[in-house]
Amino acid sequence: MRRKQKPGLRKERIIMLAASVFVLTALTMTGVYVNQKNTKENDGYSIDLNELDTRVGEQAEQIGEQLNDLTGNATLDDLDVEINYEEVNTGDAMLPQEDLDALRENSTRQAQPSAEVITRRDAELRQESIEEAAQPGESLNEAVNETGIASSPELVLNFTENDSLAWPIVGNVILNYSMDKVVYFATLNQYRYNPSIVIEAVLGEPITAAANAQIISIENDVETGGTIVLSLGNGYELTYGQLENFTVEVGDYVERGDILGFVAEPSIFYSLEGSNVYFKLTKDGLPLDPLTIME
């Protein structure tokens, strides 16, 4: 059996439905009103998109025609130059082998100049010194004698134990010869045997030959800097160190008192001792005390 709906429930549903319709109608009317109002307010500022699109299209066609006139309707296929991009890995870039060899040779020469390089430079300085000293009408040989630069005559070298040595420079001995006991080296902060004497000097002072001799080597030594070795004959040799601007070449003969070079900055082995001249006498390669025969 169906139950009969109560008249009160049906009435409530009708009222709710009517209220919903009323609310929807009110909202719709409000939206229409607001839309019309906004349209009226913006009439002076409204944009016709269709008209704008038409104008843009016309300007684009005009620009395209002007470009065609300028380029002659050229295409990419008509370009004479083709740009290619090549990827380069800089990490793998290598210099040619000949360039690497040249760089290594140059670095080696700068780090430790060879005797050949030194003697070539010193020969030029020697020649310039002779030419500058020459007076008008004076021969180069006369200028050599005045400047104390050797003219390389062949001398008879016959040094003996009875001969004496001249001082290469006037100065105090700051490190004595000592091969029987060690002496203290300030720069090295250690005690060592000393096969030479070290004479105090002033940077740039000229250094002279202590006896008649022949130049047998000129080189750059790590410890003694610019170093020159002289043969006195009969196995006797003199070694000078801490010099620069040599005025002689290998093979030259020098007489006692001739200028050999000039005092240089001390090497890193003698930085605390200051500017000095390293002076060593040997006989058949064995060191001797030069002070015992120096005048």
Protein backbone atom coordinates (compact mmCIF):
# COMPACT_ATOMS: atom_id res chain seq x y z
CA MET A 1 0.00 0.00 0.00
CA ARG A 2 1.29 3.49 -0.93
CA ARG A 3 1.61 5.99 1.72
CA LYS A 4 0.02 9.31 1.00
CA GLN A 5 2.29 12.32 1.12
CA LYS A 6 1.45 14.89 3.63
CA PRO A 7 0.09 18.17 2.22
CA GLY A 8 2.64 20.15 4.32
CA LEU A 9 5.68 18.46 2.77
CA ARG A 10 4.49 19.11 -0.79
CA LYS A 11 3.91 22.73 0.01
CA GLU A 12 7.44 23.15 1.36
CA ARG A 13 8.96 21.69 -1.83
CA ILE A 14 6.96 24.10 -3.99
CA ILE A 15 8.14 27.04 -1.90
CA MET A 16 11.83 25.95 -2.17
CA LEU A 17 11.60 25.50 -5.91
CA ALA A 18 9.99 28.90 -6.36
CA ALA A 19 12.67 30.52 -4.20
CA SER A 20 15.45 28.93 -6.27
CA VAL A 21 13.93 30.18 -9.50
CA PHE A 22 13.64 33.64 -8.05
CA VAL A 23 17.30 33.72 -6.94
CA LEU A 24 18.56 32.53 -10.32
CA THR A 25 16.43 35.11 -12.11
CA ALA A 26 17.76 37.87 -9.86
CA LEU A 27 21.36 36.86 -10.43
CA THR A 28 20.86 36.73 -14.17
CA MET A 29 19.30 40.16 -14.29
CA THR A 30 22.08 41.60 -12.13
CA GLY A 31 24.75 40.19 -14.47
CA VAL A 32 23.04 41.62 -17.53
CA TYR A 33 22.74 44.99 -15.87
CA VAL A 34 26.44 45.09 -14.84
CA ASN A 35 27.58 43.98 -18.29
CA GLN A 36 25.57 46.68 -20.01
CA LYS A 37 26.90 49.30 -17.61
CA ASN A 38 30.52 48.31 -18.21
CA THR A 39 29.96 48.37 -21.93
CA LYS A 40 28.61 51.90 -21.76
CA GLU A 41 31.50 53.07 -19.55
CA ASN A 42 34.17 51.57 -21.86
CA ASP A 43 32.66 52.62 -25.17
CA GLY A 44 35.28 55.35 -25.49
CA TYR A 45 38.15 52.89 -24.90
CA SER A 46 36.99 49.71 -26.53
CA ILE A 47 39.30 47.98 -29.11
CA ASP A 48 38.02 46.33 -32.24
CA LEU A 49 40.27 43.24 -32.52
CA ASN A 50 39.10 42.39 -36.01
CA GLU A 51 40.05 45.84 -37.29
CA LEU A 52 43.43 45.67 -35.53
CA ASP A 53 44.21 42.28 -37.08
CA THR A 54 43.39 43.63 -40.54
CA ARG A 55 45.75 46.63 -40.11
CA VAL A 56 48.62 44.45 -38.85
CA GLY A 57 48.21 42.13 -41.82
CA GLU A 58 48.37 45.03 -44.28
CA GLN A 59 51.56 46.45 -42.66
CA ALA A 60 53.20 43.02 -42.68
CA GLU A 61 52.52 42.68 -46.42
CA GLN A 62 54.07 46.14 -47.07
CA ILE A 63 57.21 45.27 -45.06
CA GLY A 64 57.55 41.98 -46.91
CA GLU A 65 57.37 43.75 -50.29
CA GLN A 66 60.10 46.23 -49.21
CA LEU A 67 62.39 43.43 -48.07
CA ASN A 68 61.95 41.61 -51.37
CA ASP A 69 62.90 44.79 -53.23
CA LEU A 70 66.11 45.16 -51.19
CA THR A 71 67.30 41.54 -51.32
CA GLY A 72 66.13 40.76 -54.82
CA ASN A 73 64.12 37.83 -53.44
CA ALA A 74 67.38 36.20 -52.34
CA THR A 75 67.23 32.87 -50.53
CA LEU A 76 69.66 31.05 -48.25
CA ASP A 77 70.82 28.98 -51.19
CA ASP A 78 72.12 32.17 -52.89
CA LEU A 79 74.57 33.04 -50.07
CA ASP A 80 78.20 32.98 -51.13
CA VAL A 81 79.58 32.34 -47.63
CA GLU A 82 78.80 29.33 -45.55
CA ILE A 83 79.59 29.61 -41.85
CA ASN A 84 80.82 26.43 -40.25
CA TYR A 85 81.27 25.93 -36.55
CA GLU A 86 83.81 23.43 -35.32
CA GLU A 87 83.88 22.32 -31.72
CA VAL A 88 87.34 22.60 -30.18
CA ASN A 89 88.46 20.90 -27.00
CA THR A 90 91.01 23.28 -25.53
CA GLY A 91 92.16 20.71 -23.05
CA ASP A 92 93.60 18.62 -25.88
CA ALA A 93 95.21 21.52 -27.76
CA MET A 94 98.92 20.88 -28.39
CA LEU A 95 101.71 23.03 -29.81
CA PRO A 96 103.78 21.61 -32.67
CA GLN A 97 106.77 19.63 -31.44
CA GLU A 98 109.26 22.10 -32.92
CA ASP A 99 107.64 24.94 -30.96
CA LEU A 100 107.77 22.91 -27.74
CA ASP A 101 111.45 22.14 -28.30
CA ALA A 102 112.18 25.83 -28.90
CA LEU A 103 110.38 26.81 -25.69
CA ARG A 104 112.27 24.22 -23.67
CA GLU A 105 115.61 25.36 -25.08
CA ASN A 106 114.82 28.99 -24.35
CA SER A 107 113.72 28.20 -20.77
CA THR A 108 116.91 26.21 -20.19
CA ARG A 109 119.10 29.06 -21.42
CA GLN A 110 117.29 31.57 -19.20
CA ALA A 111 117.53 29.32 -16.13
CA GLN A 112 121.26 28.59 -16.56
CA PRO A 113 123.11 30.36 -19.40
CA SER A 114 125.73 28.23 -21.10
CA ALA A 115 129.37 29.25 -21.39
CA GLU A 116 128.87 29.94 -25.08
CA VAL A 117 126.04 32.42 -24.40
CA ILE A 118 127.97 34.16 -21.65
CA THR A 119 131.18 34.50 -23.62
CA ARG A 120 129.37 35.92 -26.66
CA ARG A 121 127.71 38.60 -24.53
CA ASP A 122 130.93 39.40 -22.70
CA ALA A 123 132.88 39.61 -25.95
CA GLU A 124 130.47 42.29 -27.14
CA LEU A 125 130.82 44.21 -23.87
CA ARG A 126 134.61 43.88 -24.08
CA GLN A 127 134.70 45.27 -27.61
CA GLU A 128 132.40 48.16 -26.67
CA SER A 129 134.60 49.02 -23.67
CA ILE A 130 137.72 49.09 -25.85
CA GLU A 131 136.08 51.27 -28.51
CA GLU A 132 134.72 53.73 -25.91
CA ALA A 133 138.15 54.04 -24.28
CA ALA A 134 139.97 54.70 -27.57
CA GLN A 135 140.93 58.33 -28.14
CA PRO A 136 140.90 59.96 -31.60
CA GLY A 137 143.89 58.66 -33.55
CA GLU A 138 144.62 55.96 -30.97
CA SER A 139 144.78 52.29 -31.97
CA LEU A 140 142.65 49.67 -30.26
CA ASN A 141 145.77 47.95 -28.92
CA GLU A 142 146.79 51.17 -27.15
CA ALA A 143 143.29 51.51 -25.73
CA VAL A 144 143.45 47.92 -24.47
CA ASN A 145 146.61 48.65 -22.53
CA GLU A 146 145.04 51.73 -20.94
CA THR A 147 141.80 50.02 -19.93
CA GLY A 148 143.49 46.92 -18.55
CA ILE A 149 141.62 44.64 -20.94
CA ALA A 150 143.75 41.81 -22.25
CA SER A 151 144.80 41.88 -25.90
CA SER A 152 145.31 38.08 -25.85
CA PRO A 153 149.02 37.74 -26.67
CA GLU A 154 150.38 34.23 -26.24
CA LEU A 155 152.25 34.15 -22.94
CA VAL A 156 154.59 31.50 -21.58
CA LEU A 157 152.79 30.25 -18.45
CA ASN A 158 155.19 28.80 -15.92
CA PHE A 159 153.75 29.38 -12.45
CA THR A 160 155.61 27.69 -9.59
CA GLU A 161 155.37 27.44 -5.81
CA ASN A 162 157.91 30.23 -5.54
CA ASP A 163 155.70 32.69 -7.44
CA SER A 164 153.18 35.00 -5.80
CA LEU A 165 149.64 36.12 -6.49
CA ALA A 166 148.26 39.65 -6.53
CA TRP A 167 145.02 40.42 -4.76
CA PRO A 168 142.10 40.42 -7.24
CA ILE A 169 140.45 43.16 -5.20
CA VAL A 170 141.23 45.09 -2.03
CA GLY A 171 138.94 43.86 0.76
CA ASN A 172 138.57 41.90 3.97
CA VAL A 173 138.50 38.11 3.92
CA ILE A 174 135.10 37.15 5.34
CA LEU A 175 135.56 33.37 4.92
CA ASN A 176 139.00 31.82 5.23
CA TYR A 177 140.40 28.79 3.44
CA SER A 178 139.87 25.75 5.65
CA MET A 179 140.22 22.12 4.58
CA ASP A 180 141.34 20.67 7.92
CA LYS A 181 138.33 21.91 9.91
CA VAL A 182 134.89 23.25 9.11
CA VAL A 183 133.93 26.94 9.12
CA TYR A 184 130.51 28.53 9.58
CA PHE A 185 128.53 29.72 6.52
CA ALA A 186 125.90 32.21 7.68
CA THR A 187 123.58 31.96 4.67
CA LEU A 188 123.57 28.16 4.74
CA ASN A 189 123.48 28.13 8.55
CA GLN A 190 125.91 25.24 8.64
CA TYR A 191 129.58 24.36 9.06
CA ARG A 192 131.47 23.30 5.95
CA TYR A 193 134.98 22.86 4.61
CA ASN A 194 136.04 25.82 2.49
CA PRO A 195 138.44 25.23 -0.44
CA SER A 196 138.67 28.96 -1.24
CA ILE A 197 138.73 32.37 0.36
CA VAL A 198 135.76 34.76 0.14
CA ILE A 199 136.74 38.43 -0.11
CA GLU A 200 134.38 41.27 0.79
CA ALA A 201 133.63 43.47 -2.25
CA VAL A 202 131.43 46.28 -3.54
CA LEU A 203 128.91 45.64 -6.29
CA GLY A 204 130.31 46.72 -9.68
CA GLU A 205 134.00 46.85 -8.66
CA PRO A 206 136.48 45.63 -11.31
CA ILE A 207 138.28 42.33 -10.67
CA THR A 208 141.81 41.75 -11.97
CA ALA A 209 143.98 38.77 -12.84
CA ALA A 210 146.23 37.68 -9.96
CA ALA A 211 148.93 36.38 -12.35
CA ASN A 212 149.68 35.82 -16.02
CA ALA A 213 147.17 33.24 -17.23
CA GLN A 214 144.94 31.87 -19.96
CA ILE A 215 141.14 31.79 -19.71
CA ILE A 216 139.98 28.17 -19.87
CA SER A 217 136.27 28.48 -18.95
CA ILE A 218 133.53 31.00 -18.27
CA GLU A 219 130.23 29.69 -16.95
CA ASN A 220 127.33 30.33 -14.62
CA ASP A 221 127.46 28.22 -11.47
CA VAL A 222 124.54 27.80 -9.07
CA GLU A 223 126.73 28.34 -5.99
CA THR A 224 129.39 30.79 -7.20
CA GLY A 225 127.40 32.66 -9.86
CA GLY A 226 129.39 34.02 -12.81
CA THR A 227 132.56 31.92 -12.61
CA ILE A 228 135.83 32.15 -14.58
CA VAL A 229 138.77 29.71 -14.44
CA LEU A 230 142.35 30.72 -15.30
CA SER A 231 145.26 28.39 -16.05
CA LEU A 232 148.58 29.61 -14.62
CA GLY A 233 150.65 26.77 -16.03
CA ASN A 234 152.23 23.67 -14.42
CA GLY A 235 148.81 22.47 -13.18
CA TYR A 236 148.00 25.64 -11.22
CA GLU A 237 144.55 27.17 -11.72
CA LEU A 238 142.63 30.09 -10.27
CA THR A 239 138.84 30.16 -9.97
CA TYR A 240 136.96 33.43 -9.53
CA GLY A 241 133.26 33.51 -8.61
CA GLN A 242 130.44 36.05 -8.09
CA LEU A 243 131.37 38.07 -11.22
CA GLU A 244 129.54 39.49 -14.23
CA ASN A 245 130.22 41.49 -17.39
CA PHE A 246 133.39 39.57 -18.22
CA THR A 247 135.84 41.48 -20.40
CA VAL A 248 137.63 38.37 -21.73
CA GLU A 249 136.79 35.25 -23.70
CA VAL A 250 137.73 31.60 -23.39
CA GLY A 251 141.20 31.15 -24.88
CA ASP A 252 142.38 34.69 -24.15
CA TYR A 253 145.71 35.28 -22.44
CA VAL A 254 145.78 37.88 -19.66
CA GLU A 255 148.57 39.54 -17.78
CA ARG A 256 148.70 40.19 -14.09
CA GLY A 257 146.47 43.18 -13.29
CA ASP A 258 144.24 42.90 -16.38
CA ILE A 259 140.53 43.36 -15.71
CA LEU A 260 138.53 40.14 -15.95
CA GLY A 261 135.06 41.33 -15.01
CA PHE A 262 133.05 43.08 -12.31
CA VAL A 263 131.50 42.17 -8.96
CA ALA A 264 127.95 40.84 -9.29
CA GLU A 265 125.09 40.38 -6.86
CA PRO A 266 125.86 37.44 -4.55
CA SER A 267 124.29 34.08 -5.30
CA ILE A 268 121.67 32.60 -2.96
CA PHE A 269 124.48 30.66 -1.23
CA TYR A 270 126.08 33.93 -0.06
CA SER A 271 123.15 36.32 0.40
CA LEU A 272 123.89 37.05 4.07
CA GLU A 273 127.60 37.47 3.42
CA GLY A 274 126.81 40.22 0.89
CA SER A 275 128.73 41.16 -2.26
CA ASN A 276 131.96 39.21 -2.46
CA VAL A 277 134.55 37.53 -4.68
CA TYR A 278 135.07 33.77 -4.54
CA PHE A 279 138.80 33.08 -5.03
CA LYS A 280 140.24 29.54 -5.20
CA LEU A 281 143.72 28.23 -6.04
CA THR A 282 144.28 24.59 -7.06
CA LYS A 283 147.27 22.48 -8.09
CA ASP A 284 146.39 19.47 -10.24
CA GLY A 285 142.81 19.78 -8.99
CA LEU A 286 143.68 19.89 -5.26
CA PRO A 287 142.85 23.10 -3.32
CA LEU A 288 145.60 25.21 -1.79
CA ASP A 289 145.46 28.18 0.57
CA PRO A 290 145.99 31.23 -1.70
CA LEU A 291 146.75 33.48 1.29
CA THR A 292 150.10 31.77 1.77
CA ILE A 293 151.44 33.17 -1.52
CA MET A 294 149.42 36.42 -1.90
CA GLU A 295 151.32 39.68 -1.69
